[in-house]
C-alpha atoms as a PDB file:
ATOM      1  CA  SER A   1    -251.639  97.301 -67.428  1.00  0.00           C
ATOM      2  CA  SER A   2    -251.398 101.063 -66.976  1.00  0.00           C
ATOM      3  CA  GLY A   3    -253.490 103.557 -68.861  1.00  0.00           C
ATOM      4  CA  ILE A   4    -252.278 105.177 -72.059  1.00  0.00           C
ATOM      5  CA  ASN A   5    -253.549 108.060 -74.144  1.00  0.00           C
ATOM      6  CA  ALA A   6    -254.352 107.355 -77.771  1.00  0.00           C
ATOM      7  CA  GLU A   7    -255.090 109.985 -80.381  1.00  0.00           C
ATOM      8  CA  TYR A   8    -258.357 109.679 -82.224  1.00  0.00           C
ATOM      9  CA  GLY A   9    -259.355 112.456 -84.536  1.00  0.00           C
ATOM     10  CA  GLY A  10    -257.291 114.839 -82.503  1.00  0.00           C
ATOM     11  CA  ASN A  11    -258.982 113.778 -79.291  1.00  0.00           C
ATOM     12  CA  SER A  12    -257.499 111.893 -76.378  1.00  0.00           C
ATOM     13  CA  VAL A  13    -258.788 108.371 -75.591  1.00  0.00           C
ATOM     14  CA  LYS A  14    -257.610 106.635 -72.394  1.00  0.00           C
ATOM     15  CA  LEU A  15    -257.473 102.832 -72.407  1.00  0.00           C
ATOM     16  CA  LYS A  16    -255.412  99.987 -70.880  1.00  0.00           C
ATOM     17  CA  MET A  17    -252.302  98.818 -72.634  1.00  0.00           C
ATOM     18  CA  LYS A  18    -253.555  95.264 -72.916  1.00  0.00           C
ATOM     19  CA  TYR A  19    -256.497  96.333 -74.922  1.00  0.00           C
ATOM     20  CA  TYR A  20    -254.430  98.449 -77.243  1.00  0.00           C
ATOM     21  CA  GLN A  21    -252.133  95.546 -77.883  1.00  0.00           C
ATOM     22  CA  GLU A  22    -255.158  93.520 -78.984  1.00  0.00           C
ATOM     23  CA  TYR A  23    -256.245  96.384 -81.185  1.00  0.00           C
ATOM     24  CA  MET A  24    -252.835  96.682 -82.886  1.00  0.00           C
ATOM     25  CA  LYS A  25    -252.916  92.986 -83.829  1.00  0.00           C
ATOM     26  CA  CYS A  26    -256.302  92.909 -85.448  1.00  0.00           C
ATOM     27  CA  ASN A  27    -257.333  96.475 -86.432  1.00  0.00           C
ATOM     28  CA  LYS A  28    -258.348  97.172 -90.074  1.00  0.00           C
ATOM     29  CA  ASP A  29    -258.940 100.886 -89.682  1.00  0.00           C
ATOM     30  CA  ASP A  30    -257.823 103.159 -92.546  1.00  0.00           C
ATOM     31  CA  SER A  31    -256.242 105.468 -89.889  1.00  0.00           C
ATOM     32  CA  PRO A  32    -255.637 103.545 -86.701  1.00  0.00           C
ATOM     33  CA  LEU A  33    -255.386 104.914 -83.182  1.00  0.00           C
ATOM     34  CA  TYR A  34    -251.963 106.326 -82.500  1.00  0.00           C
ATOM     35  CA  VAL A  35    -250.640 106.507 -78.940  1.00  0.00           C
ATOM     36  CA  PHE A  36    -248.906 109.607 -77.534  1.00  0.00           C
ATOM     37  CA  ASP A  37    -248.120 108.904 -73.891  1.00  0.00           C
ATOM     38  CA  GLY A  38    -246.768 112.165 -72.464  1.00  0.00           C
ATOM     39  CA  ASN A  39    -247.329 111.330 -68.796  1.00  0.00           C
ATOM     40  CA  TYR A  40    -244.802 108.535 -68.349  1.00  0.00           C
ATOM     41  CA  GLY A  41    -242.236 110.755 -66.752  1.00  0.00           C
ATOM     42  CA  GLU A  42    -244.563 111.688 -63.843  1.00  0.00           C
ATOM     43  CA  HIS A  43    -246.209 108.268 -63.360  1.00  0.00           C
ATOM     44  CA  ARG A  44    -245.020 106.436 -60.239  1.00  0.00           C
ATOM     45  CA  LYS A  45    -244.241 103.187 -62.199  1.00  0.00           C
ATOM     46  CA  LYS A  46    -243.750 104.358 -65.738  1.00  0.00           C
ATOM     47  CA  CYS A  47    -241.184 107.012 -64.745  1.00  0.00           C
ATOM     48  CA  LYS A  48    -238.589 104.236 -64.525  1.00  0.00           C
ATOM     49  CA  PHE A  49    -238.583 104.289 -68.320  1.00  0.00           C
ATOM     50  CA  LEU A  50    -236.600 107.547 -68.078  1.00  0.00           C
ATOM     51  CA  GLU A  51    -233.650 105.444 -66.816  1.00  0.00           C
ATOM     52  CA  ASP A  52    -233.674 103.433 -70.015  1.00  0.00           C
ATOM     53  CA  TYR A  53    -232.432 106.239 -72.296  1.00  0.00           C
ATOM     54  CA  LYS A  54    -230.367 109.373 -72.229  1.00  0.00           C
ATOM     55  CA  VAL A  55    -231.085 112.489 -74.221  1.00  0.00           C
ATOM     56  CA  PRO A  56    -228.390 112.722 -76.912  1.00  0.00           C
ATOM     57  CA  ASP A  57    -225.721 115.349 -76.275  1.00  0.00           C
ATOM     58  CA  TYR A  58    -226.742 117.240 -79.469  1.00  0.00           C
ATOM     59  CA  PHE A  59    -230.089 117.932 -77.909  1.00  0.00           C
ATOM     60  CA  SER A  60    -229.187 118.200 -74.238  1.00  0.00           C
ATOM     61  CA  GLU A  61    -229.684 121.928 -73.828  1.00  0.00           C
ATOM     62  CA  ASP A  62    -233.260 122.435 -72.712  1.00  0.00           C
ATOM     63  CA  LEU A  63    -234.054 126.053 -71.798  1.00  0.00           C
ATOM     64  CA  PHE A  64    -237.677 125.379 -70.836  1.00  0.00           C
ATOM     65  CA  HIS A  65    -236.472 123.356 -67.811  1.00  0.00           C
ATOM     66  CA  PHE A  66    -235.938 126.664 -66.072  1.00  0.00           C
ATOM     67  CA  VAL A  67    -239.718 127.147 -65.572  1.00  0.00           C
ATOM     68  CA  GLY A  68    -240.101 123.665 -64.003  1.00  0.00           C
ATOM     69  CA  GLU A  69    -241.727 120.420 -64.934  1.00  0.00           C
ATOM     70  CA  ARG A  70    -245.289 121.561 -63.908  1.00  0.00           C
ATOM     71  CA  ARG A  71    -245.278 124.871 -65.697  1.00  0.00           C
ATOM     72  CA  ARG A  72    -243.446 124.067 -68.876  1.00  0.00           C
ATOM     73  CA  PRO A  73    -245.464 123.016 -72.011  1.00  0.00           C
ATOM     74  CA  PRO A  74    -245.761 119.247 -72.826  1.00  0.00           C
ATOM     75  CA  TYR A  75    -242.492 118.158 -74.379  1.00  0.00           C
ATOM     76  CA  ARG A  76    -241.803 114.398 -74.239  1.00  0.00           C
ATOM     77  CA  TRP A  77    -243.720 111.420 -75.378  1.00  0.00           C
ATOM     78  CA  VAL A  78    -243.477 107.663 -75.987  1.00  0.00           C
ATOM     79  CA  VAL A  79    -245.277 107.212 -79.263  1.00  0.00           C
ATOM     80  CA  PHE A  80    -246.381 103.920 -80.839  1.00  0.00           C
ATOM     81  CA  GLY A  81    -248.878 102.730 -83.296  1.00  0.00           C
ATOM     82  CA  PRO A  82    -249.665 100.311 -86.152  1.00  0.00           C
ATOM     83  CA  LYS A  83    -249.212 100.672 -89.829  1.00  0.00           C
ATOM     84  CA  ARG A  84    -251.067 103.583 -91.399  1.00  0.00           C
ATOM     85  CA  SER A  85    -251.187 105.640 -88.201  1.00  0.00           C
ATOM     86  CA  GLY A  86    -249.281 108.916 -88.090  1.00  0.00           C
ATOM     87  CA  THR A  87    -249.524 112.658 -87.860  1.00  0.00           C
ATOM     88  CA  SER A  88    -250.751 114.994 -90.612  1.00  0.00           C
ATOM     89  CA  VAL A  89    -248.745 117.974 -91.761  1.00  0.00           C
ATOM     90  CA  HIS A  90    -248.060 120.466 -88.978  1.00  0.00           C
ATOM     91  CA  ILE A  91    -245.504 122.720 -87.260  1.00  0.00           C
ATOM     92  CA  ASP A  92    -244.456 121.982 -83.731  1.00  0.00           C
ATOM     93  CA  PRO A  93    -245.531 124.640 -81.147  1.00  0.00           C
ATOM     94  CA  LEU A  94    -243.647 127.629 -79.795  1.00  0.00           C
ATOM     95  CA  GLY A  95    -240.842 127.425 -82.262  1.00  0.00           C
ATOM     96  CA  THR A  96    -239.368 124.317 -80.638  1.00  0.00           C
ATOM     97  CA  HIS A  97    -236.914 121.934 -82.280  1.00  0.00           C
ATOM     98  CA  ALA A  98    -237.656 118.177 -81.964  1.00  0.00           C
ATOM     99  CA  TRP A  99    -235.867 114.844 -82.067  1.00  0.00           C
ATOM    100  CA  ASN A 100    -237.473 111.451 -82.652  1.00  0.00           C
ATOM    101  CA  ALA A 101    -235.665 108.225 -81.814  1.00  0.00           C
ATOM    102  CA  LEU A 102    -237.215 105.137 -83.408  1.00  0.00           C
ATOM    103  CA  VAL A 103    -236.949 101.952 -81.362  1.00  0.00           C
ATOM    104  CA  SER A 104    -238.610  99.620 -83.796  1.00  0.00           C
ATOM    105  CA  GLY A 105    -240.507  99.733 -87.086  1.00  0.00           C
ATOM    106  CA  TYR A 106    -240.306 102.236 -90.056  1.00  0.00           C
ATOM    107  CA  LYS A 107    -241.623 105.799 -90.334  1.00  0.00           C
ATOM    108  CA  ARG A 108    -241.971 107.808 -93.505  1.00  0.00           C
ATOM    109  CA  TRP A 109    -241.161 111.500 -93.064  1.00  0.00           C
ATOM    110  CA  ILE A 110    -241.728 114.531 -95.237  1.00  0.00           C
ATOM    111  CA  LEU A 111    -240.523 118.048 -94.308  1.00  0.00           C
ATOM    112  CA  PHE A 112    -241.106 121.355 -95.864  1.00  0.00           C
ATOM    113  CA  PRO A 113    -239.132 124.686 -95.475  1.00  0.00           C
ATOM    114  CA  THR A 114    -240.552 127.242 -93.068  1.00  0.00           C
ATOM    115  CA  HIS A 115    -241.536 129.604 -95.884  1.00  0.00           C
ATOM    116  CA  THR A 116    -243.914 127.111 -97.497  1.00  0.00           C
ATOM    117  CA  PRO A 117    -247.383 128.614 -97.669  1.00  0.00           C
ATOM    118  CA  ARG A 118    -249.934 127.199 -95.295  1.00  0.00           C
ATOM    119  CA  TRP A 119    -252.647 126.958 -97.945  1.00  0.00           C
ATOM    120  CA  LEU A 120    -250.361 124.819-100.041  1.00  0.00           C
ATOM    121  CA  LEU A 121    -250.060 122.097 -97.418  1.00  0.00           C
ATOM    122  CA  LYS A 122    -253.244 122.485 -95.367  1.00  0.00           C
ATOM    123  CA  GLN A 123    -255.737 121.737 -98.122  1.00  0.00           C
ATOM    124  CA  LYS A 124    -259.348 120.916 -97.789  1.00  0.00           C
ATOM    125  CA  LEU A 125    -259.556 117.111 -97.353  1.00  0.00           C
ATOM    126  CA  PRO A 126    -262.175 114.588 -96.304  1.00  0.00           C
ATOM    127  CA  ASP A 127    -260.494 114.398 -92.858  1.00  0.00           C
ATOM    128  CA  SER A 128    -257.352 115.462 -91.014  1.00  0.00           C
ATOM    129  CA  GLU A 129    -255.728 111.972 -90.827  1.00  0.00           C
ATOM    130  CA  ALA A 130    -252.143 111.450 -91.845  1.00  0.00           C
ATOM    131  CA  VAL A 131    -253.018 108.672 -94.323  1.00  0.00           C
ATOM    132  CA  THR A 132    -255.426 111.010 -96.057  1.00  0.00           C
ATOM    133  CA  TRP A 133    -252.859 113.759 -96.384  1.00  0.00           C
ATOM    134  CA  PHE A 134    -250.300 111.354 -97.843  1.00  0.00           C
ATOM    135  CA  LYS A 135    -252.921 110.081-100.307  1.00  0.00           C
ATOM    136  CA  TYR A 136    -254.093 113.409-101.591  1.00  0.00           C
ATOM    137  CA  VAL A 137    -251.527 116.104-101.015  1.00  0.00           C
ATOM    138  CA  HIS A 138    -248.210 114.165-101.033  1.00  0.00           C
ATOM    139  CA  PRO A 139    -248.461 113.189-104.778  1.00  0.00           C
ATOM    140  CA  GLN A 140    -248.751 116.889-105.690  1.00  0.00           C
ATOM    141  CA  THR A 141    -245.277 117.568-104.290  1.00  0.00           C
ATOM    142  CA  SER A 142    -243.673 115.681-107.204  1.00  0.00           C
ATOM    143  CA  ASP A 143    -245.741 117.537-109.781  1.00  0.00           C
ATOM    144  CA  GLN A 144    -243.823 120.024-111.977  1.00  0.00           C
ATOM    145  CA  ASN A 145    -246.308 122.758-110.858  1.00  0.00           C
ATOM    146  CA  TRP A 146    -245.254 122.515-107.266  1.00  0.00           C
ATOM    147  CA  PRO A 147    -243.213 125.608-106.278  1.00  0.00           C
ATOM    148  CA  GLU A 148    -239.458 124.774-106.652  1.00  0.00           C
ATOM    149  CA  ASP A 149    -238.504 126.532-103.370  1.00  0.00           C
ATOM    150  CA  CYS A 150    -241.134 124.535-101.491  1.00  0.00           C
ATOM    151  CA  LYS A 151    -239.844 121.102-102.481  1.00  0.00           C
ATOM    152  CA  PRO A 152    -239.859 118.707 -99.537  1.00  0.00           C
ATOM    153  CA  ILE A 153    -237.200 116.609 -97.878  1.00  0.00           C
ATOM    154  CA  GLU A 154    -238.277 112.969 -97.630  1.00  0.00           C
ATOM    155  CA  CYS A 155    -236.797 109.916 -95.871  1.00  0.00           C
ATOM    156  CA  LEU A 156    -237.506 106.584 -94.363  1.00  0.00           C
ATOM    157  CA  GLN A 157    -236.563 106.225 -90.748  1.00  0.00           C
ATOM    158  CA  GLY A 158    -235.538 102.777 -89.469  1.00  0.00           C
ATOM    159  CA  PRO A 159    -234.870 101.157 -86.104  1.00  0.00           C
ATOM    160  CA  GLY A 160    -232.119 102.853 -84.152  1.00  0.00           C
ATOM    161  CA  GLU A 161    -232.232 106.056 -86.304  1.00  0.00           C
ATOM    162  CA  MET A 162    -233.017 109.446 -85.145  1.00  0.00           C
ATOM    163  CA  MET A 163    -234.770 112.356 -86.872  1.00  0.00           C
ATOM    164  CA  PHE A 164    -234.207 116.055 -86.132  1.00  0.00           C
ATOM    165  CA  VAL A 165    -236.947 118.529 -87.026  1.00  0.00           C
ATOM    166  CA  PRO A 166    -235.858 122.233 -86.970  1.00  0.00           C
ATOM    167  CA  GLY A 167    -238.255 124.656 -85.408  1.00  0.00           C
ATOM    168  CA  GLY A 168    -240.797 126.128 -87.840  1.00  0.00           C
ATOM    169  CA  TRP A 169    -240.488 123.321 -90.401  1.00  0.00           C
ATOM    170  CA  TRP A 170    -243.741 121.782 -91.597  1.00  0.00           C
ATOM    171  CA  HIS A 171    -243.684 117.952 -91.407  1.00  0.00           C
ATOM    172  CA  ALA A 172    -245.922 114.902 -91.646  1.00  0.00           C
ATOM    173  CA  VAL A 173    -245.236 111.374 -90.527  1.00  0.00           C
ATOM    174  CA  LEU A 174    -246.724 107.981 -91.593  1.00  0.00           C
ATOM    175  CA  ASN A 175    -245.972 104.682 -89.939  1.00  0.00           C
ATOM    176  CA  VAL A 176    -245.329 102.131 -92.638  1.00  0.00           C
ATOM    177  CA  SER A 177    -245.184  99.402 -90.022  1.00  0.00           C
ATOM    178  CA  ASP A 178    -245.876  98.952 -86.305  1.00  0.00           C
ATOM    179  CA  THR A 179    -243.533 101.432 -84.598  1.00  0.00           C
ATOM    180  CA  ILE A 180    -242.325 102.470 -81.117  1.00  0.00           C
ATOM    181  CA  ALA A 181    -240.441 105.736 -80.679  1.00  0.00           C
ATOM    182  CA  VAL A 182    -239.388 108.341 -78.118  1.00  0.00           C
ATOM    183  CA  THR A 183    -239.632 111.991 -79.079  1.00  0.00           C
ATOM    184  CA  GLN A 184    -238.960 115.229 -77.356  1.00  0.00           C
ATOM    185  CA  ASN A 185    -239.329 118.980 -78.145  1.00  0.00           C
ATOM    186  CA  TYR A 186    -236.892 121.517 -76.770  1.00  0.00           C
ATOM    187  CA  VAL A 187    -235.503 124.978 -76.925  1.00  0.00           C
ATOM    188  CA  SER A 188    -231.750 125.613 -77.158  1.00  0.00           C
ATOM    189  CA  THR A 189    -229.690 128.766 -77.553  1.00  0.00           C
ATOM    190  CA  ALA A 190    -229.789 128.312 -81.346  1.00  0.00           C
ATOM    191  CA  ASN A 191    -233.559 128.648 -81.540  1.00  0.00           C
ATOM    192  CA  PHE A 192    -234.208 130.745 -78.445  1.00  0.00           C
ATOM    193  CA  ALA A 193    -234.977 134.008 -80.372  1.00  0.00           C
ATOM    194  CA  ALA A 194    -237.737 132.386 -82.415  1.00  0.00           C
ATOM    195  CA  SER A 195    -239.131 130.399 -79.457  1.00  0.00           C
ATOM    196  CA  TRP A 196    -239.142 133.425 -77.173  1.00  0.00           C
ATOM    197  CA  HIS A 197    -240.993 135.505 -79.730  1.00  0.00           C
ATOM    198  CA  LYS A 198    -243.817 132.880 -80.104  1.00  0.00           C
ATOM    199  CA  THR A 199    -243.951 132.044 -76.340  1.00  0.00           C
ATOM    200  CA  ALA A 200    -244.128 135.739 -75.396  1.00  0.00           C
ATOM    201  CA  ARG A 201    -247.003 136.359 -77.811  1.00  0.00           C
ATOM    202  CA  GLY A 202    -248.831 133.053 -77.280  1.00  0.00           C
ATOM    203  CA  ARG A 203    -248.135 132.253 -73.630  1.00  0.00           C
ATOM    204  CA  PRO A 204    -247.514 135.625 -71.887  1.00  0.00           C
ATOM    205  CA  LYS A 205    -247.708 134.338 -68.313  1.00  0.00           C
ATOM    206  CA  LEU A 206    -245.334 131.479 -68.960  1.00  0.00           C
ATOM    207  CA  SER A 207    -242.915 133.872 -70.751  1.00  0.00           C
ATOM    208  CA  GLN A 208    -242.866 136.271 -67.801  1.00  0.00           C
ATOM    209  CA  LYS A 209    -241.782 133.534 -65.433  1.00  0.00           C
ATOM    210  CA  TRP A 210    -239.317 132.295 -67.970  1.00  0.00           C
ATOM    211  CA  LEU A 211    -237.777 135.731 -68.344  1.00  0.00           C
ATOM    212  CA  ARG A 212    -237.495 136.275 -64.588  1.00  0.00           C
ATOM    213  CA  ILE A 213    -235.377 133.087 -64.259  1.00  0.00           C
ATOM    214  CA  LEU A 214    -233.322 133.819 -67.378  1.00  0.00           C
ATOM    215  CA  ARG A 215    -232.304 137.187 -65.921  1.00  0.00           C
ATOM    216  CA  GLU A 216    -230.654 135.247 -63.082  1.00  0.00           C
ATOM    217  CA  ARG A 217    -229.344 132.161 -64.908  1.00  0.00           C
ATOM    218  CA  ARG A 218    -228.844 133.295 -68.533  1.00  0.00           C
ATOM    219  CA  PRO A 219    -228.565 137.021 -68.686  1.00  0.00           C
ATOM    220  CA  ASP A 220    -227.296 136.721 -72.319  1.00  0.00           C
ATOM    221  CA  LEU A 221    -230.637 135.219 -73.366  1.00  0.00           C
ATOM    222  CA  ALA A 222    -232.593 137.673 -71.246  1.00  0.00           C
ATOM    223  CA  LYS A 223    -230.901 140.460 -73.148  1.00  0.00           C
ATOM    224  CA  ILE A 224    -232.149 138.959 -76.412  1.00  0.00           C
ATOM    225  CA  ALA A 225    -235.647 138.636 -75.036  1.00  0.00           C
ATOM    226  CA  ASP A 226    -235.625 142.313 -73.923  1.00  0.00           C
ATOM    227  CA  GLU A 227    -234.528 143.404 -77.340  1.00  0.00           C
ATOM    228  CA  THR A 228    -237.128 141.352 -79.188  1.00  0.00           C
ATOM    229  CA  ASP A 229    -239.832 143.447 -80.890  1.00  0.00           C
ATOM    230  CA  LEU A 230    -243.057 141.561 -80.255  1.00  0.00           C
ATOM    231  CA  SER A 231    -245.062 144.060 -82.305  1.00  0.00           C
ATOM    232  CA  VAL A 232    -243.943 142.487 -85.577  1.00  0.00           C
ATOM    233  CA  LYS A 233    -244.462 139.016 -86.736  1.00  0.00           C
ATOM    234  CA  LEU A 234    -241.578 136.548 -86.618  1.00  0.00           C
ATOM    235  CA  ALA A 235    -240.824 136.606 -90.295  1.00  0.00           C
ATOM    236  CA  GLU A 236    -240.503 140.367 -90.445  1.00  0.00           C
ATOM    237  CA  GLN A 237    -238.314 140.445 -87.329  1.00  0.00           C
ATOM    238  CA  SER A 238    -236.091 137.604 -88.473  1.00  0.00           C
ATOM    239  CA  ASP A 239    -235.547 139.068 -91.898  1.00  0.00           C
ATOM    240  CA  SER A 240    -234.440 142.381 -90.479  1.00  0.00           C
ATOM    241  CA  SER A 241    -232.548 141.094 -87.424  1.00  0.00           C
ATOM    242  CA  SER A 242    -228.754 141.078 -87.376  1.00  0.00           C
ATOM    243  CA  ASN A 243    -228.623 138.961 -84.156  1.00  0.00           C
ATOM    244  CA  GLY A 244    -226.386 136.038 -84.798  1.00  0.00           C
ATOM    245  CA  SER A 245    -228.243 133.767 -82.299  1.00  0.00           C
ATOM    246  CA  THR A 246    -231.241 133.343 -84.560  1.00  0.00           C
ATOM    247  CA  SER A 247    -231.166 129.973 -86.309  1.00  0.00           C
ATOM    248  CA  SER A 248    -231.375 129.696 -90.089  1.00  0.00           C
ATOM    249  CA  SER A 249    -234.516 127.670 -89.899  1.00  0.00           C
ATOM    250  CA  SER A 250    -236.390 130.152 -87.753  1.00  0.00           C
ATOM    251  CA  SER A 251    -235.126 133.179 -89.623  1.00  0.00           C
ATOM    252  CA  SER A 252    -236.851 132.103 -92.824  1.00  0.00           C
ATOM    253  CA  SER A 253    -240.181 131.428 -91.116  1.00  0.00           C
ATOM    254  CA  SER A 254    -243.156 133.179 -92.780  1.00  0.00           C
ATOM    255  CA  SER A 255    -245.732 132.725 -90.090  1.00  0.00           C
ATOM    256  CA  CYS A 256    -246.352 132.582 -86.369  1.00  0.00           C
ATOM    257  CA  SER A 257    -249.013 129.919 -86.321  1.00  0.00           C
ATOM    258  CA  THR A 258    -249.129 129.523 -82.538  1.00  0.00           C
ATOM    259  CA  CYS A 259    -249.665 133.212 -81.857  1.00  0.00           C
ATOM    260  CA  SER A 260    -253.247 134.455 -82.134  1.00  0.00           C
ATOM    261  CA  SER A 261    -253.416 137.589 -79.912  1.00  0.00           C
ATOM    262  CA  GLU A 262    -252.298 141.061 -80.963  1.00  0.00           C
ATOM    263  CA  SER A 263    -249.842 142.977 -78.833  1.00  0.00           C
ATOM    264  CA  GLU A 264    -250.177 146.604 -77.851  1.00  0.00           C
ATOM    265  CA  GLY A 265    -247.311 147.399 -80.226  1.00  0.00           C
ATOM    266  CA  GLU A 266    -249.354 146.018 -83.215  1.00  0.00           C
ATOM    267  CA  ARG A 267    -252.291 148.255 -82.261  1.00  0.00           C
ATOM    268  CA  ARG A 268    -250.017 151.273 -81.961  1.00  0.00           C
ATOM    269  CA  LYS A 269    -248.502 150.829 -85.441  1.00  0.00           C
ATOM    270  CA  PRO A 270    -251.451 150.026 -87.787  1.00  0.00           C
ATOM    271  CA  SER A 271    -249.780 151.498 -90.885  1.00  0.00           C
ATOM    272  CA  ARG A 272    -246.655 149.413 -90.727  1.00  0.00           C
ATOM    273  CA  ARG A 273    -248.572 146.294 -89.841  1.00  0.00           C
ATOM    274  CA  SER A 274    -251.201 146.771 -92.554  1.00  0.00           C
ATOM    275  CA  GLY A 275    -248.556 147.438 -95.125  1.00  0.00           C
ATOM    276  CA  SER A 276    -246.671 144.226 -94.302  1.00  0.00           C
ATOM    277  CA  ARG A 277    -249.916 142.287 -94.343  1.00  0.00           C
ATOM    278  CA  LYS A 278    -250.846 143.749 -97.735  1.00  0.00           C
ATOM    279  CA  ARG A 279    -247.455 142.740 -99.189  1.00  0.00           C
ATOM    280  CA  ARG A 280    -247.721 139.214 -97.833  1.00  0.00           C
ATOM    281  CA  SER A 281    -251.266 138.924 -99.174  1.00  0.00           C
ATOM    282  CA  GLU A 282    -250.218 140.109-102.613  1.00  0.00           C
ATOM    283  CA  GLU A 283    -247.288 137.629-102.712  1.00  0.00           C
ATOM    284  CA  LYS A 284    -249.539 134.797-101.611  1.00  0.00           C
ATOM    285  CA  GLU A 285    -252.054 135.644-104.378  1.00  0.00           C
ATOM    286  CA  ARG A 286    -249.254 135.747-107.003  1.00  0.00           C
ATOM    287  CA  THR A 287    -248.017 132.330-105.899  1.00  0.00           C
ATOM    288  CA  ARG A 288    -251.512 131.005-106.115  1.00  0.00           C
ATOM    289  CA  LYS A 289    -252.029 132.353-109.607  1.00  0.00           C
ATOM    290  CA  ARG A 290    -248.719 130.857-110.821  1.00  0.00           C
ATOM    291  CA  TYR A 291    -249.590 127.464-109.372  1.00  0.00           C
ATOM    292  CA  ARG A 292    -253.126 127.487-110.924  1.00  0.00           C
ATOM    293  CA  SER A 293    -251.984 128.715-114.305  1.00  0.00           C
ATOM    294  CA  ARG A 294    -249.355 125.958-114.580  1.00  0.00           C
ATOM    295  CA  LYS A 295    -251.998 123.348-113.708  1.00  0.00           C
ATOM    296  CA  GLU A 296    -254.387 124.777-116.320  1.00  0.00           C
ATOM    297  CA  ARG A 297    -251.670 124.702-119.055  1.00  0.00           C
ATOM    298  CA  ASP A 298    -251.043 121.003-118.244  1.00  0.00           C
END
């Protein structure tokens, strides 16, 4: 009975598997504990699980492997939980794509385009649980006032089926039955430009090591990294970039949610940065007003 990590209110709780199995059978929680075990690959016993599956060919390119298992960001998990558990709306970190292979049970997915405003999805709620988000925010998406260009894609995932989540897409997941799944985040050539931009701004030390190795192993990608302007936010750069390697999903992203620090370039160009910020702020306010006025008319 090895230890597992369960998510509780965003915090990690370690417990033995046999206790969690008992919990799954008899829990009556509104939002039950949800297990994300990201250490199985390094565990002396659990690592044998890696021999039970093979990463699909579609997702086999994994550019973060260049920095090594110890340095790379967390990227693979075995996830399982009872009915009503899940993850609230979010964007995966560092511009990574993700795949999710469901072994058993059923998952309800909802995905939103990258340009969907954060304030529209991350509303003030009693808590941050997935079941709460689906109860209060999800019904609004079918309302006629919901912006047409922010309509979601929804589906029910069943056993043996696989979900692909493009980098930068908002998504939320609710388990509609007891589920077991394997999931992994990765960077490929297709989304390298977006991922590099976010990694260089949010994880500078990691990005420096990554770039040193790419110069030797993938000079084509190192060239893209060298030509990336980190002084502008991702949406601005993607909209003006003519580089064909930028994926369609990342090119329409309107935010860089994992990047909090300013670069020297941003401080050197206050007028360009402030002008872009002002335009985004004005557009956000116009969208808010349209949304509110429609609701008031109804």
